[in-house]
C-alpha atoms as a PDB file:
ATOM      1  CA  ALA A   1       0.000   0.000   0.000  1.00  0.00           C
ATOM      2  CA  CYS A   2       1.130   3.543  -0.676  1.00  0.00           C
ATOM      3  CA  GLU A   3       1.734   5.807   2.301  1.00  0.00           C
ATOM      4  CA  ARG A   4       0.980   9.463   2.764  1.00  0.00           C
ATOM      5  CA  CYS A   5       3.885  11.855   2.506  1.00  0.00           C
ATOM      6  CA  PRO A   6       5.025  12.871   6.001  1.00  0.00           C
ATOM      7  CA  ARG A   7       4.937  16.434   7.256  1.00  0.00           C
ATOM      8  CA  GLY A   8       7.492  18.665   5.579  1.00  0.00           C
ATOM      9  CA  THR A   9       7.248  16.837   2.229  1.00  0.00           C
ATOM     10  CA  TYR A  10       4.908  16.520  -0.751  1.00  0.00           C
ATOM     11  CA  ALA A  11       4.370  14.366  -3.865  1.00  0.00           C
ATOM     12  CA  ASP A  12       3.160  16.301  -6.905  1.00  0.00           C
ATOM     13  CA  ALA A  13       3.360  13.469  -9.461  1.00  0.00           C
ATOM     14  CA  ASP A  14       2.218   9.860  -9.720  1.00  0.00           C
ATOM     15  CA  GLY A  15       4.642   7.012  -9.146  1.00  0.00           C
ATOM     16  CA  LEU A  16       7.203   8.836  -7.024  1.00  0.00           C
ATOM     17  CA  ARG A  17       9.523   6.638  -4.986  1.00  0.00           C
ATOM     18  CA  ALA A  18      10.075   9.342  -2.379  1.00  0.00           C
ATOM     19  CA  CYS A  19       8.318  12.486  -1.315  1.00  0.00           C
ATOM     20  CA  VAL A  20       9.949  15.838  -2.040  1.00  0.00           C
ATOM     21  CA  PRO A  21      11.046  17.937   0.961  1.00  0.00           C
ATOM     22  CA  VAL A  22       9.957  21.558   1.090  1.00  0.00           C
ATOM     23  CA  PRO A  23      12.876  23.957   0.577  1.00  0.00           C
ATOM     24  CA  ARG A  24      14.731  25.761   3.326  1.00  0.00           C
ATOM     25  CA  GLY A  25      12.830  28.724   4.708  1.00  0.00           C
ATOM     26  CA  PHE A  26       9.504  26.914   4.324  1.00  0.00           C
ATOM     27  CA  PHE A  27       7.500  24.424   6.379  1.00  0.00           C
ATOM     28  CA  LEU A  28       4.598  22.057   5.810  1.00  0.00           C
ATOM     29  CA  PRO A  29       2.722  21.029   8.965  1.00  0.00           C
ATOM     30  CA  GLN A  30       0.209  18.618   7.412  1.00  0.00           C
ATOM     31  CA  PRO A  31       0.939  15.137   5.980  1.00  0.00           C
ATOM     32  CA  GLY A  32      -0.280  13.915   2.597  1.00  0.00           C
ATOM     33  CA  SER A  33       0.461  17.053   0.569  1.00  0.00           C
ATOM     34  CA  ASN A  34       0.338  16.777  -3.221  1.00  0.00           C
ATOM     35  CA  SER A  35       1.646  20.212  -4.198  1.00  0.00           C
ATOM     36  CA  SER A  36       4.670  22.397  -3.591  1.00  0.00           C
ATOM     37  CA  ALA A  37       2.218  25.266  -3.225  1.00  0.00           C
ATOM     38  CA  ASP A  38       1.249  23.830   0.161  1.00  0.00           C
ATOM     39  CA  ALA A  39       4.656  24.863   1.544  1.00  0.00           C
ATOM     40  CA  ILE A  40       4.342  27.871   3.853  1.00  0.00           C
ATOM     41  CA  PRO A  41       7.111  30.483   4.224  1.00  0.00           C
ATOM     42  CA  CYS A  42       8.475  30.762   7.738  1.00  0.00           C
ATOM     43  CA  PRO A  43       6.911  33.784   9.465  1.00  0.00           C
ATOM     44  CA  VAL A  44       9.068  36.676  10.650  1.00  0.00           C
ATOM     45  CA  GLY A  45      10.928  35.808  13.823  1.00  0.00           C
ATOM     46  CA  THR A  46      11.402  32.196  12.728  1.00  0.00           C
ATOM     47  CA  PHE A  47      13.611  30.206  10.344  1.00  0.00           C
ATOM     48  CA  ALA A  48      14.147  26.794   8.751  1.00  0.00           C
ATOM     49  CA  ASN A  49      17.766  26.043   7.823  1.00  0.00           C
ATOM     50  CA  GLU A  50      17.158  22.518   6.534  1.00  0.00           C
ATOM     51  CA  PRO A  51      14.775  21.282   3.815  1.00  0.00           C
ATOM     52  CA  GLY A  52      11.740  19.258   4.859  1.00  0.00           C
ATOM     53  CA  ALA A  53      10.743  21.273   7.921  1.00  0.00           C
ATOM     54  CA  GLU A  54       7.489  20.409   9.673  1.00  0.00           C
ATOM     55  CA  LEU A  55       7.663  23.639  11.656  1.00  0.00           C
ATOM     56  CA  CYS A  56       9.924  26.672  11.686  1.00  0.00           C
ATOM     57  CA  ALA A  57      12.168  27.317  14.677  1.00  0.00           C
ATOM     58  CA  ASP A  58      12.116  30.546  16.654  1.00  0.00           C
ATOM     59  CA  CYS A  59      15.114  32.818  16.230  1.00  0.00           C
ATOM     60  CA  PRO A  60      17.289  32.391  19.335  1.00  0.00           C
ATOM     61  CA  THR A  61      18.240  35.246  21.627  1.00  0.00           C
ATOM     62  CA  GLY A  62      20.693  37.650  20.034  1.00  0.00           C
ATOM     63  CA  SER A  63      19.155  37.328  16.564  1.00  0.00           C
ATOM     64  CA  TYR A  64      16.087  38.248  14.533  1.00  0.00           C
ATOM     65  CA  ALA A  65      14.304  37.529  11.228  1.00  0.00           C
ATOM     66  CA  ASP A  66      12.609  40.529   9.640  1.00  0.00           C
ATOM     67  CA  GLN A  67      11.452  38.751   6.476  1.00  0.00           C
ATOM     68  CA  VAL A  68       9.334  35.684   5.762  1.00  0.00           C
ATOM     69  CA  GLY A  69      11.015  32.585   4.353  1.00  0.00           C
ATOM     70  CA  THR A  70      14.217  33.059   6.338  1.00  0.00           C
ATOM     71  CA  ILE A  71      16.819  30.263   6.329  1.00  0.00           C
ATOM     72  CA  ALA A  72      19.029  31.868   9.011  1.00  0.00           C
ATOM     73  CA  CYS A  73      18.328  34.559  11.579  1.00  0.00           C
ATOM     74  CA  SER A  74      20.412  37.729  11.487  1.00  0.00           C
ATOM     75  CA  PRO A  75      22.646  38.339  14.528  1.00  0.00           C
ATOM     76  CA  CYS A  76      22.642  41.606  16.419  1.00  0.00           C
ATOM     77  CA  ASP A  77      25.838  43.584  15.898  1.00  0.00           C
ATOM     78  CA  ALA A  78      28.688  43.386  18.380  1.00  0.00           C
ATOM     79  CA  GLY A  79      28.045  45.803  21.230  1.00  0.00           C
ATOM     80  CA  PHE A  80      24.321  45.039  21.182  1.00  0.00           C
ATOM     81  CA  PHE A  81      22.163  42.335  22.752  1.00  0.00           C
ATOM     82  CA  LEU A  82      18.676  40.877  22.377  1.00  0.00           C
ATOM     83  CA  PRO A  83      17.398  38.875  25.357  1.00  0.00           C
ATOM     84  CA  THR A  84      14.180  37.521  23.822  1.00  0.00           C
ATOM     85  CA  GLU A  85      13.536  34.813  21.233  1.00  0.00           C
ATOM     86  CA  LYS A  86      11.491  35.162  18.031  1.00  0.00           C
ATOM     87  CA  ALA A  87      12.536  38.774  17.395  1.00  0.00           C
ATOM     88  CA  THR A  88      11.251  40.294  14.175  1.00  0.00           C
ATOM     89  CA  SER A  89      13.430  43.399  13.736  1.00  0.00           C
ATOM     90  CA  GLY A  90      16.980  44.595  14.199  1.00  0.00           C
ATOM     91  CA  ASP A  91      15.503  47.553  16.062  1.00  0.00           C
ATOM     92  CA  GLN A  92      14.934  45.150  18.958  1.00  0.00           C
ATOM     93  CA  CYS A  93      18.707  44.841  19.458  1.00  0.00           C
ATOM     94  CA  ARG A  94      19.680  46.985  22.453  1.00  0.00           C
ATOM     95  CA  LYS A  95      22.936  48.766  23.197  1.00  0.00           C
ATOM     96  CA  CYS A  96      25.130  47.231  25.864  1.00  0.00           C
ATOM     97  CA  PRO A  97      25.371  49.650  28.815  1.00  0.00           C
ATOM     98  CA  ILE A  98      28.646  51.178  29.939  1.00  0.00           C
ATOM     99  CA  GLY A  99      30.870  48.753  31.803  1.00  0.00           C
ATOM    100  CA  THR A 100      29.845  45.871  29.534  1.00  0.00           C
ATOM    101  CA  ARG A 101      30.552  44.430  26.075  1.00  0.00           C
ATOM    102  CA  SER A 102      29.189  41.836  23.665  1.00  0.00           C
ATOM    103  CA  ALA A 103      30.150  39.887  20.583  1.00  0.00           C
ATOM    104  CA  ALA A 104      27.775  39.672  17.620  1.00  0.00           C
ATOM    105  CA  GLY A 105      24.646  37.607  18.243  1.00  0.00           C
ATOM    106  CA  ALA A 106      24.610  38.085  22.012  1.00  0.00           C
ATOM    107  CA  GLY A 107      21.585  37.400  24.167  1.00  0.00           C
ATOM    108  CA  GLN A 108      23.135  39.417  26.976  1.00  0.00           C
ATOM    109  CA  CYS A 109      26.131  41.662  27.573  1.00  0.00           C
ATOM    110  CA  ASN A 110      29.215  40.587  29.494  1.00  0.00           C
ATOM    111  CA  VAL A 111      30.589  42.708  32.311  1.00  0.00           C
ATOM    112  CA  CYS A 112      34.067  44.098  31.651  1.00  0.00           C
ATOM    113  CA  PRO A 113      36.540  41.929  33.582  1.00  0.00           C
ATOM    114  CA  PRO A 114      38.999  43.284  36.157  1.00  0.00           C
ATOM    115  CA  GLY A 115      41.790  45.198  34.442  1.00  0.00           C
ATOM    116  CA  GLN A 116      39.431  46.566  31.808  1.00  0.00           C
ATOM    117  CA  TYR A 117      36.663  49.154  31.544  1.00  0.00           C
ATOM    118  CA  GLY A 118      33.867  50.238  29.211  1.00  0.00           C
ATOM    119  CA  ASP A 119      33.306  53.992  29.064  1.00  0.00           C
ATOM    120  CA  GLU A 120      30.731  53.998  26.252  1.00  0.00           C
ATOM    121  CA  GLU A 121      27.573  52.155  25.309  1.00  0.00           C
ATOM    122  CA  ALA A 122      27.603  49.498  22.575  1.00  0.00           C
ATOM    123  CA  LEU A 123      31.237  48.441  22.951  1.00  0.00           C
ATOM    124  CA  PRO A 124      32.268  45.229  21.170  1.00  0.00           C
ATOM    125  CA  GLU A 125      35.332  44.982  23.433  1.00  0.00           C
ATOM    126  CA  CYS A 126      36.251  46.502  26.768  1.00  0.00           C
ATOM    127  CA  LEU A 127      39.296  48.765  26.959  1.00  0.00           C
ATOM    128  CA  SER A 128      42.414  47.761  28.871  1.00  0.00           C
ATOM    129  CA  CYS A 129      43.984  49.741  31.679  1.00  0.00           C
ATOM    130  CA  PRO A 130      47.483  50.826  30.549  1.00  0.00           C
ATOM    131  CA  PRO A 131      50.767  49.374  31.821  1.00  0.00           C
ATOM    132  CA  GLY A 132      51.696  50.675  35.242  1.00  0.00           C
ATOM    133  CA  THR A 133      48.078  50.560  36.405  1.00  0.00           C
ATOM    134  CA  TYR A 134      45.558  48.011  37.649  1.00  0.00           C
ATOM    135  CA  GLN A 135      41.811  47.708  38.138  1.00  0.00           C
ATOM    136  CA  ALA A 136      40.609  45.070  40.588  1.00  0.00           C
ATOM    137  CA  LEU A 137      36.836  45.156  40.073  1.00  0.00           C
ATOM    138  CA  ALA A 138      34.594  43.926  37.252  1.00  0.00           C
ATOM    139  CA  GLY A 139      32.270  46.329  35.445  1.00  0.00           C
ATOM    140  CA  ALA A 140      34.462  49.435  35.525  1.00  0.00           C
ATOM    141  CA  SER A 141      33.056  52.278  33.451  1.00  0.00           C
ATOM    142  CA  SER A 142      35.916  54.799  33.297  1.00  0.00           C
ATOM    143  CA  ALA A 143      39.656  54.979  32.741  1.00  0.00           C
ATOM    144  CA  ASP A 144      39.745  56.903  36.025  1.00  0.00           C
ATOM    145  CA  GLN A 145      39.133  53.569  37.754  1.00  0.00           C
ATOM    146  CA  CYS A 146      42.532  52.329  36.552  1.00  0.00           C
ATOM    147  CA  LEU A 147      44.764  52.947  39.565  1.00  0.00           C
ATOM    148  CA  GLU A 148      48.516  53.473  39.484  1.00  0.00           C
ATOM    149  CA  CYS A 149      50.689  50.694  40.832  1.00  0.00           C
ATOM    150  CA  ALA A 150      52.030  51.541  44.288  1.00  0.00           C
ATOM    151  CA  ILE A 151      55.736  52.058  44.874  1.00  0.00           C
ATOM    152  CA  GLY A 152      57.563  48.748  44.886  1.00  0.00           C
ATOM    153  CA  PHE A 153      55.135  47.324  42.319  1.00  0.00           C
ATOM    154  CA  HIS A 154      54.793  47.354  38.541  1.00  0.00           C
ATOM    155  CA  ASN A 155      52.802  46.096  35.558  1.00  0.00           C
ATOM    156  CA  THR A 156      54.452  45.575  32.192  1.00  0.00           C
ATOM    157  CA  GLN A 157      51.247  44.515  30.414  1.00  0.00           C
ATOM    158  CA  PRO A 158      47.911  46.325  29.932  1.00  0.00           C
ATOM    159  CA  GLY A 159      44.629  45.048  31.322  1.00  0.00           C
ATOM    160  CA  LYS A 160      45.810  43.686  34.662  1.00  0.00           C
ATOM    161  CA  ALA A 161      43.759  43.225  37.824  1.00  0.00           C
ATOM    162  CA  GLN A 162      46.722  43.683  40.154  1.00  0.00           C
ATOM    163  CA  CYS A 163      50.297  44.898  40.159  1.00  0.00           C
ATOM    164  CA  LEU A 164      53.307  42.670  40.723  1.00  0.00           C
ATOM    165  CA  PRO A 165      56.060  43.368  43.253  1.00  0.00           C
ATOM    166  CA  CYS A 166      59.445  44.340  41.888  1.00  0.00           C
ATOM    167  CA  ILE A 167      61.533  41.182  41.648  1.00  0.00           C
ATOM    168  CA  PRO A 168      64.845  40.760  43.509  1.00  0.00           C
ATOM    169  CA  GLY A 169      67.521  42.877  41.863  1.00  0.00           C
ATOM    170  CA  THR A 170      65.061  45.663  41.059  1.00  0.00           C
ATOM    171  CA  TYR A 171      63.210  48.448  42.873  1.00  0.00           C
ATOM    172  CA  GLY A 172      60.292  50.787  42.259  1.00  0.00           C
ATOM    173  CA  ASN A 173      60.520  54.246  43.782  1.00  0.00           C
ATOM    174  CA  LEU A 174      57.621  55.749  41.816  1.00  0.00           C
ATOM    175  CA  THR A 175      53.917  55.027  41.473  1.00  0.00           C
ATOM    176  CA  GLY A 176      52.553  53.853  38.127  1.00  0.00           C
ATOM    177  CA  MET A 177      55.703  52.075  36.989  1.00  0.00           C
ATOM    178  CA  ALA A 178      55.458  49.727  34.024  1.00  0.00           C
ATOM    179  CA  GLU A 179      58.903  48.311  34.805  1.00  0.00           C
ATOM    180  CA  CYS A 180      61.016  48.422  37.944  1.00  0.00           C
ATOM    181  CA  TRP A 181      64.514  49.901  37.906  1.00  0.00           C
ATOM    182  CA  LYS A 182      67.451  47.512  37.880  1.00  0.00           C
ATOM    183  CA  CYS A 183      70.166  47.811  40.496  1.00  0.00           C
ATOM    184  CA  LEU A 184      73.432  49.202  39.183  1.00  0.00           C
ATOM    185  CA  PRO A 185      76.083  46.690  38.144  1.00  0.00           C
ATOM    186  CA  GLY A 186      77.883  45.345  41.186  1.00  0.00           C
ATOM    187  CA  THR A 187      74.856  45.774  43.475  1.00  0.00           C
ATOM    188  CA  PHE A 188      71.857  43.585  44.270  1.00  0.00           C
ATOM    189  CA  ILE A 189      68.616  43.329  46.318  1.00  0.00           C
ATOM    190  CA  ASP A 190      67.622  39.945  47.728  1.00  0.00           C
ATOM    191  CA  LEU A 191      64.009  40.880  48.504  1.00  0.00           C
ATOM    192  CA  GLU A 192      61.070  41.615  46.213  1.00  0.00           C
ATOM    193  CA  GLY A 193      59.023  44.810  46.419  1.00  0.00           C
ATOM    194  CA  SER A 194      61.964  47.096  47.203  1.00  0.00           C
ATOM    195  CA  ILE A 195      61.351  50.807  46.827  1.00  0.00           C
ATOM    196  CA  PHE A 196      64.688  52.590  47.306  1.00  0.00           C
ATOM    197  CA  PRO A 197      67.791  52.590  45.115  1.00  0.00           C
ATOM    198  CA  SER A 198      69.730  52.495  48.381  1.00  0.00           C
ATOM    199  CA  ASP A 199      68.304  48.993  48.914  1.00  0.00           C
ATOM    200  CA  CYS A 200      70.741  47.848  46.243  1.00  0.00           C
ATOM    201  CA  ALA A 201      73.698  46.649  48.332  1.00  0.00           C
ATOM    202  CA  PRO A 202      77.205  45.981  47.002  1.00  0.00           C
ATOM    203  CA  CYS A 203      77.836  42.386  46.002  1.00  0.00           C
ATOM    204  CA  ALA A 204      79.767  40.441  48.632  1.00  0.00           C
ATOM    205  CA  LEU A 205      83.403  39.489  48.176  1.00  0.00           C
ATOM    206  CA  GLY A 206      83.765  36.745  45.626  1.00  0.00           C
ATOM    207  CA  THR A 207      80.509  37.660  43.813  1.00  0.00           C
ATOM    208  CA  PHE A 208      79.457  40.077  41.102  1.00  0.00           C
END
């Protein structure tokens, strides 16, 4: 016995060995179709990325479909977010607030991590505190929140959450140092975090 074509397919000619799937961007919810005209375009806010769909899927958060017959939802731009599913317009994408960022297609914004800040809305990436500074808290919204390293500490790289103590053989007598000063040749400091050049003591006899 012949069987009815399943949902998502049709047979528009006699003697077919297999039913024909509806194209991408369309769906067919009823079985037994005998015409391609029965295929229904996916409504706005939905999509079908494979042929033979019984139903269209809702656009996930961070994306939208503003036309019928969509095969893939459009992502919101980087710096924007869209927290709801089945969105029908790019106007529904919202700007990320200051102190946050997002990649394209985001359902929510990410808080700027320690060592970084976001001083504008709709940032695709947070900005890094410069070398010689640190920022210990997440969600900073201004470069003013990047604090100078204390004396005896330094940061050679941008975007750090804390400063590092000057290593043995070096000292830091200023705030906001990217690199600590090296002791003069023939002198050395055994401890880390030194702050005075006078901490550099002459090498002992038999050493250099």
